[in-house]
Amino acid sequence: MLALDREADGVTKAVAVDLERGGEVTPLLQIAEDSNDRLLLADADSGLLLIRSDAGHDRLGWGVLGSMLPVRFPECLGPADCAVTPFAMQPGQELMPENCAVALRIDGAAGSWVGVWRPSGRRLHHLAAPAGWLAGAGLWTREGVLRLPYATGAVPCGVASVEAPEDVVITETAQAERAGGEPSAAGETPVVCKPVPLQQAPLTGRGARG
């Protein structure tokens, strides 16, 4: 299974392509009929998805492969006067998407730095990037250590290690995290046989790589 962006009639949507079925294409994301909905990152272990949509206004959201819940759009992922781009997800968080740490590149007037966020914490941590960071590059270890490549005059090829900040897990419904204007809520995970829009039904039984 592959997740791809497909443009049709001036609108871009993420779709799933089943290579075992001769390239069968089915919808993956549909926030609104006329919105551009793109899949940015997907983690096979946890099922966590990071998406960008301009439904209402351009913003980052998250969803879970196999969840009945719609995509949610945390306000913390849209800091003022900054561009935010996710580039790495923590692997090894099987069935625990809300504990999965996500690394984001944040670009602002002061330059580029690193953001770390978890769905469970609902807080965006701002971290200084190492000098010479190859902005937007890096990966997580399963233990929650972020590896960031950098190059300086003294160190032509280096890797800096950053521990994921601890979060206070929020268990109650957060009004600042909304999906289609409604607070997030818990639900059960049924099983379906093929990809359909996240806001209507889940994706389970297959992995999508984006």
N, C-alpha and C. Protein backbone atom coordinates (compact mmCIF):
# COMPACT_ATOMS: atom_id res chain seq x y z
N MET A 1 0.84 -1.19 0.00
CA MET A 1 0.00 0.00 0.00
C MET A 1 0.88 1.24 0.00
N LEU A 2 0.55 2.18 -0.87
CA LEU A 2 1.24 3.46 -0.92
C LEU A 2 0.24 4.59 -0.71
N ALA A 3 0.68 5.64 -0.03
CA ALA A 3 -0.14 6.84 0.12
C ALA A 3 0.47 7.92 -0.77
N LEU A 4 -0.35 8.48 -1.65
CA LEU A 4 0.12 9.47 -2.62
C LEU A 4 -0.83 10.65 -2.66
N ASP A 5 -0.30 11.79 -3.08
CA ASP A 5 -1.15 12.95 -3.35
C ASP A 5 -1.59 12.94 -4.80
N ARG A 6 -2.87 13.13 -5.05
CA ARG A 6 -3.39 13.17 -6.42
C ARG A 6 -4.15 14.47 -6.63
N GLU A 7 -3.81 15.19 -7.69
CA GLU A 7 -4.50 16.44 -8.01
C GLU A 7 -5.52 16.20 -9.10
N ALA A 8 -6.73 16.67 -8.87
CA ALA A 8 -7.81 16.57 -9.86
C ALA A 8 -8.68 17.81 -9.76
N ASP A 9 -8.89 18.45 -10.88
CA ASP A 9 -9.72 19.66 -10.94
C ASP A 9 -9.22 20.74 -9.99
N GLY A 10 -7.89 20.84 -9.86
CA GLY A 10 -7.30 21.87 -9.03
C GLY A 10 -7.31 21.60 -7.54
N VAL A 11 -7.76 20.41 -7.12
CA VAL A 11 -7.81 20.04 -5.70
C VAL A 11 -6.93 18.82 -5.47
N THR A 12 -6.11 18.86 -4.41
CA THR A 12 -5.20 17.76 -4.10
C THR A 12 -5.73 16.96 -2.92
N LYS A 13 -5.81 15.65 -3.09
CA LYS A 13 -6.25 14.75 -2.03
C LYS A 13 -5.23 13.61 -1.88
N ALA A 14 -5.04 13.14 -0.65
CA ALA A 14 -4.25 11.94 -0.43
C ALA A 14 -5.09 10.72 -0.77
N VAL A 15 -4.50 9.81 -1.53
CA VAL A 15 -5.18 8.57 -1.90
C VAL A 15 -4.30 7.39 -1.54
N ALA A 16 -4.89 6.22 -1.44
CA ALA A 16 -4.16 4.98 -1.19
C ALA A 16 -4.13 4.17 -2.48
N VAL A 17 -2.95 3.66 -2.81
CA VAL A 17 -2.77 2.86 -4.02
C VAL A 17 -2.39 1.44 -3.59
N ASP A 18 -3.19 0.47 -4.00
CA ASP A 18 -2.98 -0.94 -3.64
C ASP A 18 -2.22 -1.61 -4.78
N LEU A 19 -0.92 -1.85 -4.57
CA LEU A 19 -0.09 -2.45 -5.62
C LEU A 19 -0.44 -3.91 -5.87
N GLU A 20 -1.01 -4.58 -4.87
CA GLU A 20 -1.39 -5.98 -5.05
C GLU A 20 -2.66 -6.12 -5.89
N ARG A 21 -3.38 -5.02 -6.08
CA ARG A 21 -4.61 -5.06 -6.87
C ARG A 21 -4.47 -4.23 -8.14
N GLY A 22 -3.27 -4.27 -8.70
CA GLY A 22 -3.06 -3.60 -9.97
C GLY A 22 -3.11 -2.09 -9.91
N GLY A 23 -2.75 -1.53 -8.75
CA GLY A 23 -2.75 -0.07 -8.62
C GLY A 23 -4.12 0.51 -8.35
N GLU A 24 -5.00 -0.25 -7.72
CA GLU A 24 -6.33 0.25 -7.37
C GLU A 24 -6.21 1.48 -6.46
N VAL A 25 -6.91 2.54 -6.80
CA VAL A 25 -6.84 3.80 -6.06
C VAL A 25 -8.13 4.02 -5.29
N THR A 26 -8.00 4.31 -4.00
CA THR A 26 -9.17 4.62 -3.17
C THR A 26 -8.87 5.87 -2.35
N PRO A 27 -9.90 6.63 -1.94
CA PRO A 27 -9.68 7.84 -1.15
C PRO A 27 -9.04 7.53 0.19
N LEU A 28 -8.19 8.42 0.67
CA LEU A 28 -7.57 8.27 1.98
C LEU A 28 -7.96 9.43 2.91
N LEU A 29 -7.90 10.65 2.39
CA LEU A 29 -8.25 11.82 3.19
C LEU A 29 -9.28 12.66 2.47
N GLN A 30 -10.31 13.07 3.19
CA GLN A 30 -11.30 14.00 2.66
C GLN A 30 -11.87 14.79 3.81
N ILE A 31 -11.24 15.93 4.13
CA ILE A 31 -11.71 16.76 5.22
C ILE A 31 -12.93 17.56 4.78
N ALA A 32 -12.85 18.16 3.60
CA ALA A 32 -13.99 18.85 2.98
C ALA A 32 -13.90 18.59 1.48
N GLU A 33 -15.01 18.74 0.80
CA GLU A 33 -15.03 18.38 -0.62
C GLU A 33 -14.05 19.19 -1.45
N ASP A 34 -13.89 20.49 -1.13
CA ASP A 34 -13.04 21.34 -1.96
C ASP A 34 -11.72 21.70 -1.27
N SER A 35 -11.35 20.98 -0.19
CA SER A 35 -10.10 21.28 0.51
C SER A 35 -8.95 20.45 -0.05
N ASN A 36 -7.73 20.98 0.07
CA ASN A 36 -6.52 20.25 -0.28
C ASN A 36 -6.06 19.50 0.97
N ASP A 37 -6.06 18.18 0.91
CA ASP A 37 -5.77 17.33 2.07
C ASP A 37 -4.60 16.41 1.74
N ARG A 38 -3.46 16.65 2.38
CA ARG A 38 -2.23 15.92 2.07
C ARG A 38 -1.75 15.13 3.28
N LEU A 39 -1.26 13.91 3.03
CA LEU A 39 -0.63 13.11 4.07
C LEU A 39 0.85 13.48 4.11
N LEU A 40 1.36 13.89 5.29
CA LEU A 40 2.75 14.31 5.43
C LEU A 40 3.64 13.21 5.99
N LEU A 41 3.17 12.52 7.03
CA LEU A 41 3.93 11.44 7.65
C LEU A 41 2.97 10.34 8.08
N ALA A 42 3.46 9.11 8.06
CA ALA A 42 2.68 7.98 8.55
C ALA A 42 3.61 7.01 9.24
N ASP A 43 3.20 6.49 10.40
CA ASP A 43 4.01 5.54 11.14
C ASP A 43 3.31 4.19 11.16
N ALA A 44 4.01 3.16 10.68
CA ALA A 44 3.41 1.84 10.58
C ALA A 44 3.18 1.19 11.94
N ASP A 45 4.04 1.49 12.93
CA ASP A 45 3.91 0.86 14.25
C ASP A 45 2.68 1.35 15.01
N SER A 46 2.54 2.67 15.10
CA SER A 46 1.46 3.25 15.91
C SER A 46 0.21 3.56 15.10
N GLY A 47 0.35 3.70 13.78
CA GLY A 47 -0.78 4.10 12.94
C GLY A 47 -1.02 5.59 12.94
N LEU A 48 -0.11 6.37 13.55
CA LEU A 48 -0.28 7.82 13.61
C LEU A 48 -0.06 8.44 12.23
N LEU A 49 -0.94 9.37 11.86
CA LEU A 49 -0.85 10.09 10.59
C LEU A 49 -0.78 11.59 10.87
N LEU A 50 0.11 12.29 10.19
CA LEU A 50 0.17 13.75 10.23
C LEU A 50 -0.26 14.26 8.86
N ILE A 51 -1.22 15.17 8.84
CA ILE A 51 -1.77 15.65 7.58
C ILE A 51 -1.78 17.18 7.58
N ARG A 52 -1.88 17.73 6.38
CA ARG A 52 -2.08 19.17 6.22
C ARG A 52 -3.33 19.39 5.38
N SER A 53 -4.19 20.29 5.84
CA SER A 53 -5.43 20.58 5.13
C SER A 53 -5.69 22.08 5.18
N ASP A 54 -6.29 22.59 4.10
CA ASP A 54 -6.69 24.00 4.09
C ASP A 54 -8.20 24.15 4.23
N ALA A 55 -8.84 23.13 4.83
CA ALA A 55 -10.27 23.25 5.12
C ALA A 55 -10.46 24.30 6.21
N GLY A 56 -11.11 25.39 5.91
CA GLY A 56 -11.21 26.50 6.84
C GLY A 56 -10.02 27.42 6.70
N HIS A 57 -8.83 26.91 7.06
CA HIS A 57 -7.56 27.61 6.83
C HIS A 57 -6.45 26.57 6.88
N ASP A 58 -5.28 26.91 6.37
CA ASP A 58 -4.18 25.96 6.29
C ASP A 58 -3.70 25.59 7.69
N ARG A 59 -3.64 24.29 8.00
CA ARG A 59 -3.25 23.85 9.34
C ARG A 59 -2.81 22.39 9.32
N LEU A 60 -2.10 22.00 10.39
CA LEU A 60 -1.67 20.62 10.57
C LEU A 60 -2.68 19.88 11.43
N GLY A 61 -2.87 18.60 11.10
CA GLY A 61 -3.76 17.77 11.88
C GLY A 61 -3.19 16.38 12.06
N TRP A 62 -3.87 15.59 12.88
CA TRP A 62 -3.43 14.21 13.09
C TRP A 62 -4.63 13.29 13.16
N GLY A 63 -4.39 12.06 12.77
CA GLY A 63 -5.40 11.03 12.85
C GLY A 63 -4.71 9.70 13.10
N VAL A 64 -5.48 8.65 13.26
CA VAL A 64 -4.94 7.33 13.54
C VAL A 64 -5.51 6.33 12.55
N LEU A 65 -4.62 5.56 11.95
CA LEU A 65 -5.02 4.51 11.03
C LEU A 65 -5.86 3.49 11.78
N GLY A 66 -7.13 3.36 11.40
CA GLY A 66 -8.01 2.40 12.07
C GLY A 66 -8.91 3.00 13.12
N SER A 67 -8.94 4.33 13.25
CA SER A 67 -9.77 4.97 14.26
C SER A 67 -11.04 5.52 13.65
N MET A 68 -12.12 5.48 14.43
CA MET A 68 -13.37 6.09 14.00
C MET A 68 -13.36 7.60 14.18
N LEU A 69 -12.39 8.12 14.95
CA LEU A 69 -12.33 9.55 15.18
C LEU A 69 -11.87 10.28 13.93
N PRO A 70 -12.38 11.47 13.68
CA PRO A 70 -11.92 12.26 12.53
C PRO A 70 -10.55 12.85 12.81
N VAL A 71 -9.95 13.43 11.78
CA VAL A 71 -8.69 14.14 11.95
C VAL A 71 -8.89 15.31 12.90
N ARG A 72 -7.93 15.51 13.81
CA ARG A 72 -7.99 16.62 14.76
C ARG A 72 -6.90 17.63 14.45
N PHE A 73 -7.16 18.89 14.77
CA PHE A 73 -6.26 19.98 14.43
C PHE A 73 -5.87 20.76 15.70
N PRO A 74 -4.80 20.34 16.39
CA PRO A 74 -4.39 21.04 17.61
C PRO A 74 -3.92 22.46 17.31
N GLU A 75 -4.37 23.41 18.12
CA GLU A 75 -3.96 24.79 17.92
C GLU A 75 -2.46 24.98 18.15
N CYS A 76 -1.85 24.13 18.99
CA CYS A 76 -0.43 24.29 19.28
C CYS A 76 0.45 24.01 18.07
N LEU A 77 -0.07 23.31 17.06
CA LEU A 77 0.72 23.02 15.86
C LEU A 77 0.67 24.15 14.85
N GLY A 78 0.05 25.26 15.22
CA GLY A 78 0.00 26.42 14.33
C GLY A 78 0.46 27.68 15.03
N PRO A 79 1.74 27.71 15.53
CA PRO A 79 2.21 28.93 16.21
C PRO A 79 2.21 30.12 15.26
N ALA A 80 1.94 31.29 15.80
CA ALA A 80 1.83 32.50 14.98
C ALA A 80 3.15 32.84 14.31
N ASP A 81 3.06 33.29 13.06
CA ASP A 81 4.20 33.78 12.30
C ASP A 81 5.29 32.73 12.11
N CYS A 82 4.92 31.46 12.09
CA CYS A 82 5.90 30.38 11.88
C CYS A 82 5.34 29.36 10.89
N ALA A 83 6.25 28.75 10.14
CA ALA A 83 5.89 27.62 9.29
C ALA A 83 6.34 26.34 10.00
N VAL A 84 5.44 25.36 10.10
CA VAL A 84 5.72 24.13 10.84
C VAL A 84 5.60 22.94 9.89
N THR A 85 6.67 22.12 9.84
CA THR A 85 6.69 20.96 8.95
C THR A 85 7.18 19.74 9.71
N PRO A 86 6.36 18.69 9.87
CA PRO A 86 6.82 17.48 10.54
C PRO A 86 7.81 16.72 9.67
N PHE A 87 8.85 16.13 10.31
CA PHE A 87 9.83 15.39 9.51
C PHE A 87 10.20 14.03 10.08
N ALA A 88 9.80 13.70 11.30
CA ALA A 88 10.14 12.39 11.86
C ALA A 88 9.15 11.99 12.93
N MET A 89 8.84 10.67 12.99
CA MET A 89 7.97 10.10 14.02
C MET A 89 8.72 9.02 14.77
N GLN A 90 8.47 8.92 16.06
CA GLN A 90 9.09 7.89 16.89
C GLN A 90 8.51 6.53 16.55
N PRO A 91 9.34 5.54 16.19
CA PRO A 91 8.83 4.20 15.90
C PRO A 91 8.66 3.39 17.18
N GLY A 92 8.13 2.21 17.03
CA GLY A 92 8.05 1.27 18.15
C GLY A 92 6.94 1.51 19.14
N GLN A 93 5.99 2.41 18.82
CA GLN A 93 4.88 2.69 19.73
C GLN A 93 3.63 1.93 19.27
N GLU A 94 3.73 0.60 19.22
CA GLU A 94 2.64 -0.22 18.73
C GLU A 94 1.35 0.04 19.52
N LEU A 95 0.31 0.36 18.78
CA LEU A 95 -1.03 0.58 19.34
C LEU A 95 -1.08 1.73 20.34
N MET A 96 -0.06 2.60 20.33
CA MET A 96 -0.04 3.74 21.25
C MET A 96 0.25 5.03 20.48
N PRO A 97 -0.61 5.38 19.52
CA PRO A 97 -0.32 6.54 18.68
C PRO A 97 -0.21 7.85 19.46
N GLU A 98 -0.95 7.98 20.56
CA GLU A 98 -0.91 9.24 21.30
C GLU A 98 0.38 9.42 22.08
N ASN A 99 1.20 8.35 22.23
CA ASN A 99 2.49 8.46 22.90
C ASN A 99 3.64 8.65 21.91
N CYS A 100 3.33 8.64 20.64
CA CYS A 100 4.35 8.72 19.61
C CYS A 100 4.87 10.16 19.51
N ALA A 101 6.18 10.36 19.67
CA ALA A 101 6.78 11.68 19.57
C ALA A 101 7.00 12.05 18.10
N VAL A 102 6.70 13.29 17.78
CA VAL A 102 6.85 13.79 16.41
C VAL A 102 7.82 14.97 16.44
N ALA A 103 8.77 14.96 15.52
CA ALA A 103 9.71 16.07 15.38
C ALA A 103 9.26 16.96 14.23
N LEU A 104 9.32 18.27 14.46
CA LEU A 104 8.87 19.23 13.45
C LEU A 104 9.94 20.29 13.23
N ARG A 105 10.09 20.69 12.00
CA ARG A 105 10.94 21.84 11.67
C ARG A 105 10.08 23.09 11.78
N ILE A 106 10.55 24.06 12.55
CA ILE A 106 9.83 25.32 12.71
C ILE A 106 10.67 26.44 12.11
N ASP A 107 10.12 27.17 11.18
CA ASP A 107 10.80 28.27 10.52
C ASP A 107 10.11 29.58 10.88
N GLY A 108 10.90 30.50 11.41
CA GLY A 108 10.37 31.81 11.78
C GLY A 108 11.38 32.89 11.48
N ALA A 109 11.10 34.09 11.94
CA ALA A 109 11.99 35.22 11.67
C ALA A 109 13.37 35.01 12.26
N ALA A 110 13.46 34.25 13.35
CA ALA A 110 14.74 34.02 14.02
C ALA A 110 15.54 32.88 13.40
N GLY A 111 14.98 32.20 12.39
CA GLY A 111 15.67 31.08 11.76
C GLY A 111 14.86 29.80 11.84
N SER A 112 15.56 28.67 11.90
CA SER A 112 14.91 27.36 11.98
C SER A 112 15.29 26.67 13.27
N TRP A 113 14.33 26.02 13.92
CA TRP A 113 14.60 25.26 15.13
C TRP A 113 13.72 24.03 15.15
N VAL A 114 13.81 23.26 16.23
CA VAL A 114 13.14 21.96 16.31
C VAL A 114 11.94 22.04 17.25
N GLY A 115 10.84 21.44 16.84
CA GLY A 115 9.68 21.28 17.70
C GLY A 115 9.46 19.81 17.98
N VAL A 116 9.02 19.48 19.18
CA VAL A 116 8.66 18.11 19.54
C VAL A 116 7.26 18.13 20.12
N TRP A 117 6.43 17.20 19.65
CA TRP A 117 5.02 17.16 20.03
C TRP A 117 4.53 15.74 20.12
N ARG A 118 3.64 15.48 21.08
CA ARG A 118 2.93 14.21 21.19
C ARG A 118 1.44 14.50 21.26
N PRO A 119 0.60 13.68 20.64
CA PRO A 119 -0.85 13.88 20.78
C PRO A 119 -1.31 13.87 22.24
N SER A 120 -0.70 13.01 23.07
CA SER A 120 -1.15 12.90 24.46
C SER A 120 -0.81 14.14 25.28
N GLY A 121 0.32 14.79 24.98
CA GLY A 121 0.72 15.95 25.74
C GLY A 121 0.04 17.22 25.28
N ARG A 122 -0.32 17.27 24.00
CA ARG A 122 -0.99 18.44 23.43
C ARG A 122 -0.22 19.73 23.67
N ARG A 123 1.10 19.63 23.62
CA ARG A 123 1.97 20.80 23.79
C ARG A 123 3.11 20.70 22.80
N LEU A 124 3.43 21.80 22.17
CA LEU A 124 4.57 21.86 21.25
C LEU A 124 5.78 22.39 22.00
N HIS A 125 6.81 21.54 22.12
CA HIS A 125 8.05 21.95 22.77
C HIS A 125 8.98 22.56 21.72
N HIS A 126 9.55 23.72 22.03
CA HIS A 126 10.49 24.39 21.13
C HIS A 126 11.90 24.15 21.63
N LEU A 127 12.76 23.57 20.77
CA LEU A 127 14.13 23.22 21.14
C LEU A 127 15.11 23.88 20.17
N ALA A 128 16.23 24.33 20.70
CA ALA A 128 17.28 24.91 19.85
C ALA A 128 17.91 23.80 19.01
N ALA A 129 18.09 24.06 17.73
CA ALA A 129 18.75 23.09 16.85
C ALA A 129 20.26 23.20 17.02
N PRO A 130 21.00 22.10 16.83
CA PRO A 130 22.45 22.20 16.89
C PRO A 130 22.99 23.09 15.78
N ALA A 131 24.11 23.74 16.03
CA ALA A 131 24.74 24.57 15.00
C ALA A 131 25.03 23.73 13.77
N GLY A 132 24.67 24.25 12.60
CA GLY A 132 24.93 23.53 11.36
C GLY A 132 23.93 22.43 11.05
N TRP A 133 22.79 22.42 11.78
CA TRP A 133 21.77 21.39 11.53
C TRP A 133 21.33 21.41 10.08
N LEU A 134 21.21 20.24 9.49
CA LEU A 134 20.64 20.10 8.15
C LEU A 134 19.13 20.18 8.32
N ALA A 135 18.62 21.39 8.29
CA ALA A 135 17.24 21.68 8.70
C ALA A 135 16.23 20.77 8.03
N GLY A 136 15.39 20.15 8.84
CA GLY A 136 14.36 19.26 8.33
C GLY A 136 14.79 17.82 8.22
N ALA A 137 16.02 17.49 8.67
CA ALA A 137 16.52 16.11 8.62
C ALA A 137 16.68 15.57 10.03
N GLY A 138 16.41 14.29 10.21
CA GLY A 138 16.57 13.65 11.50
C GLY A 138 15.71 12.41 11.61
N LEU A 139 15.94 11.63 12.66
CA LEU A 139 15.13 10.43 12.90
C LEU A 139 15.08 10.15 14.39
N TRP A 140 14.02 9.42 14.78
CA TRP A 140 13.84 9.01 16.16
C TRP A 140 14.35 7.59 16.37
N THR A 141 14.90 7.31 17.55
CA THR A 141 15.12 5.93 17.96
C THR A 141 13.84 5.44 18.64
N ARG A 142 13.74 4.15 18.82
CA ARG A 142 12.57 3.58 19.49
C ARG A 142 12.49 4.04 20.95
N GLU A 143 13.65 4.41 21.52
CA GLU A 143 13.69 4.82 22.92
C GLU A 143 13.33 6.29 23.12
N GLY A 144 13.06 7.02 22.04
CA GLY A 144 12.66 8.41 22.18
C GLY A 144 13.81 9.39 22.14
N VAL A 145 14.90 9.04 21.45
CA VAL A 145 16.01 9.96 21.26
C VAL A 145 15.99 10.44 19.81
N LEU A 146 16.03 11.75 19.63
CA LEU A 146 16.01 12.33 18.29
C LEU A 146 17.43 12.56 17.81
N ARG A 147 17.78 12.01 16.65
CA ARG A 147 19.11 12.16 16.05
C ARG A 147 19.02 13.23 14.97
N LEU A 148 19.86 14.27 15.11
CA LEU A 148 19.85 15.39 14.17
C LEU A 148 21.22 15.54 13.51
N PRO A 149 21.32 15.37 12.19
CA PRO A 149 22.61 15.53 11.51
C PRO A 149 22.99 17.00 11.39
N TYR A 150 24.30 17.28 11.52
CA TYR A 150 24.76 18.66 11.39
C TYR A 150 26.17 18.67 10.80
N ALA A 151 26.57 19.82 10.30
CA ALA A 151 27.90 19.99 9.73
C ALA A 151 28.40 21.38 10.06
N THR A 152 29.60 21.47 10.63
CA THR A 152 30.24 22.74 10.94
C THR A 152 31.69 22.69 10.45
N GLY A 153 32.38 23.82 10.59
CA GLY A 153 33.78 23.83 10.20
C GLY A 153 34.61 22.88 11.03
N ALA A 154 34.28 22.74 12.31
CA ALA A 154 35.03 21.85 13.20
C ALA A 154 34.59 20.40 13.08
N VAL A 155 33.29 20.21 12.79
CA VAL A 155 32.74 18.85 12.66
C VAL A 155 32.04 18.75 11.31
N PRO A 156 32.73 18.25 10.28
CA PRO A 156 32.12 18.22 8.95
C PRO A 156 30.95 17.25 8.82
N CYS A 157 30.86 16.27 9.71
CA CYS A 157 29.75 15.30 9.65
C CYS A 157 29.46 14.81 11.06
N GLY A 158 28.42 15.35 11.69
CA GLY A 158 28.10 14.99 13.06
C GLY A 158 26.63 14.69 13.24
N VAL A 159 26.32 14.04 14.35
CA VAL A 159 24.93 13.73 14.71
C VAL A 159 24.72 14.12 16.16
N ALA A 160 23.77 15.01 16.41
CA ALA A 160 23.42 15.42 17.76
C ALA A 160 22.24 14.60 18.26
N SER A 161 22.25 14.28 19.55
CA SER A 161 21.17 13.50 20.17
C SER A 161 20.36 14.38 21.09
N VAL A 162 19.04 14.33 20.95
CA VAL A 162 18.13 15.13 21.77
C VAL A 162 17.10 14.20 22.39
N GLU A 163 17.02 14.20 23.73
CA GLU A 163 16.01 13.40 24.41
C GLU A 163 14.63 14.05 24.24
N ALA A 164 13.62 13.24 24.00
CA ALA A 164 12.27 13.77 23.88
C ALA A 164 11.82 14.34 25.22
N PRO A 165 11.32 15.59 25.25
CA PRO A 165 10.84 16.17 26.51
C PRO A 165 9.68 15.35 27.06
N GLU A 166 9.60 15.32 28.39
CA GLU A 166 8.49 14.64 29.04
C GLU A 166 7.24 15.50 28.95
N ASP A 167 6.10 14.85 28.81
CA ASP A 167 4.81 15.53 28.76
C ASP A 167 3.96 15.12 29.94
N VAL A 168 3.13 16.03 30.40
CA VAL A 168 2.07 15.69 31.33
C VAL A 168 0.88 15.24 30.49
N VAL A 169 0.54 13.96 30.59
CA VAL A 169 -0.52 13.41 29.74
C VAL A 169 -1.86 13.98 30.16
N ILE A 170 -2.59 14.52 29.20
CA ILE A 170 -3.91 15.09 29.44
C ILE A 170 -4.96 14.05 29.06
N THR A 171 -5.78 13.68 30.02
CA THR A 171 -6.77 12.63 29.75
C THR A 171 -8.14 13.19 29.44
N GLU A 172 -8.44 14.42 29.89
CA GLU A 172 -9.76 14.97 29.63
C GLU A 172 -9.82 15.55 28.23
N THR A 173 -11.03 15.76 27.72
CA THR A 173 -11.21 16.34 26.40
C THR A 173 -10.62 17.75 26.36
N ALA A 174 -9.85 18.04 25.31
CA ALA A 174 -9.22 19.35 25.17
C ALA A 174 -10.03 20.19 24.19
N GLN A 175 -10.55 21.32 24.64
CA GLN A 175 -11.35 22.17 23.77
C GLN A 175 -10.52 22.81 22.68
N ALA A 176 -9.20 22.93 22.90
CA ALA A 176 -8.35 23.57 21.90
C ALA A 176 -7.99 22.64 20.76
N GLU A 177 -8.32 21.36 20.88
CA GLU A 177 -8.02 20.40 19.83
C GLU A 177 -9.34 19.99 19.21
N ARG A 178 -9.57 20.41 17.96
CA ARG A 178 -10.88 20.25 17.37
C ARG A 178 -10.82 19.51 16.04
N ALA A 179 -11.90 18.83 15.74
CA ALA A 179 -12.05 18.15 14.46
C ALA A 179 -13.40 18.56 13.90
N GLY A 180 -13.39 19.35 12.86
CA GLY A 180 -14.65 19.81 12.30
C GLY A 180 -15.46 20.63 13.27
N GLY A 181 -14.78 21.33 14.21
CA GLY A 181 -15.45 22.19 15.15
C GLY A 181 -15.89 21.49 16.42
N GLU A 182 -15.57 20.20 16.58
CA GLU A 182 -15.99 19.47 17.76
C GLU A 182 -14.78 18.98 18.53
N PRO A 183 -14.85 18.94 19.88
CA PRO A 183 -13.75 18.40 20.67
C PRO A 183 -13.55 16.93 20.36
N SER A 184 -12.30 16.44 20.59
CA SER A 184 -12.02 15.03 20.36
C SER A 184 -12.70 14.20 21.44
N ALA A 185 -12.95 12.92 21.09
CA ALA A 185 -13.59 12.01 22.05
C ALA A 185 -13.10 10.61 21.77
N ALA A 186 -13.33 9.69 22.69
CA ALA A 186 -12.86 8.32 22.53
C ALA A 186 -13.87 7.50 21.76
N GLY A 187 -13.38 6.41 21.15
CA GLY A 187 -14.28 5.54 20.41
C GLY A 187 -13.62 4.20 20.16
N GLU A 188 -14.39 3.24 19.72
CA GLU A 188 -13.85 1.93 19.43
C GLU A 188 -13.33 1.89 18.00
N THR A 189 -12.53 0.86 17.70
CA THR A 189 -11.90 0.74 16.39
C THR A 189 -12.44 -0.47 15.65
N PRO A 190 -13.36 -0.30 14.70
CA PRO A 190 -13.83 -1.42 13.90
C PRO A 190 -12.83 -1.75 12.80
N VAL A 191 -13.10 -2.76 12.04
CA VAL A 191 -12.21 -3.19 10.97
C VAL A 191 -12.93 -3.08 9.64
N VAL A 192 -12.24 -2.51 8.65
CA VAL A 192 -12.78 -2.46 7.30
C VAL A 192 -11.73 -3.04 6.37
N CYS A 193 -12.11 -3.29 5.14
CA CYS A 193 -11.22 -4.03 4.25
C CYS A 193 -10.40 -3.15 3.33
N LYS A 194 -10.73 -1.87 3.17
CA LYS A 194 -9.95 -1.04 2.26
C LYS A 194 -10.02 0.43 2.68
N PRO A 195 -9.07 1.24 2.19
CA PRO A 195 -9.02 2.63 2.62
C PRO A 195 -10.25 3.42 2.22
N VAL A 196 -10.72 4.23 3.16
CA VAL A 196 -11.82 5.16 2.93
C VAL A 196 -11.48 6.43 3.69
N PRO A 197 -12.16 7.55 3.46
CA PRO A 197 -11.82 8.78 4.17
C PRO A 197 -11.83 8.62 5.68
N LEU A 198 -10.81 9.20 6.36
CA LEU A 198 -10.69 9.05 7.80
C LEU A 198 -11.90 9.59 8.54
N GLN A 199 -12.54 10.64 8.01
CA GLN A 199 -13.66 11.22 8.72
C GLN A 199 -14.90 10.34 8.67
N GLN A 200 -14.88 9.29 7.81
CA GLN A 200 -16.04 8.42 7.68
C GLN A 200 -15.81 7.05 8.28
N ALA A 201 -14.62 6.50 8.14
CA ALA A 201 -14.35 5.15 8.64
C ALA A 201 -12.85 4.94 8.71
N PRO A 202 -12.41 3.87 9.41
CA PRO A 202 -10.99 3.67 9.66
C PRO A 202 -10.28 2.91 8.55
N LEU A 203 -8.96 2.85 8.68
CA LEU A 203 -8.12 2.03 7.84
C LEU A 203 -7.47 0.99 8.75
N THR A 204 -7.79 -0.26 8.56
CA THR A 204 -7.14 -1.31 9.36
C THR A 204 -6.87 -2.50 8.47
N GLY A 205 -6.01 -3.38 9.00
CA GLY A 205 -5.70 -4.60 8.26
C GLY A 205 -4.62 -4.43 7.21
N ARG A 206 -4.28 -3.17 6.86
CA ARG A 206 -3.22 -2.93 5.89
C ARG A 206 -2.43 -1.72 6.34
N GLY A 207 -1.20 -1.63 5.92
CA GLY A 207 -0.38 -0.48 6.24
C GLY A 207 -0.29 0.45 5.06
N ALA A 208 -0.24 1.75 5.28
CA ALA A 208 -0.02 2.74 4.23
C ALA A 208 1.28 3.45 4.50
N ARG A 209 2.09 3.60 3.46
CA ARG A 209 3.38 4.27 3.64
C ARG A 209 3.38 5.54 2.82
N GLY A 210 3.64 6.67 3.46
CA GLY A 210 3.62 7.94 2.77
C GLY A 210 4.93 8.66 2.89
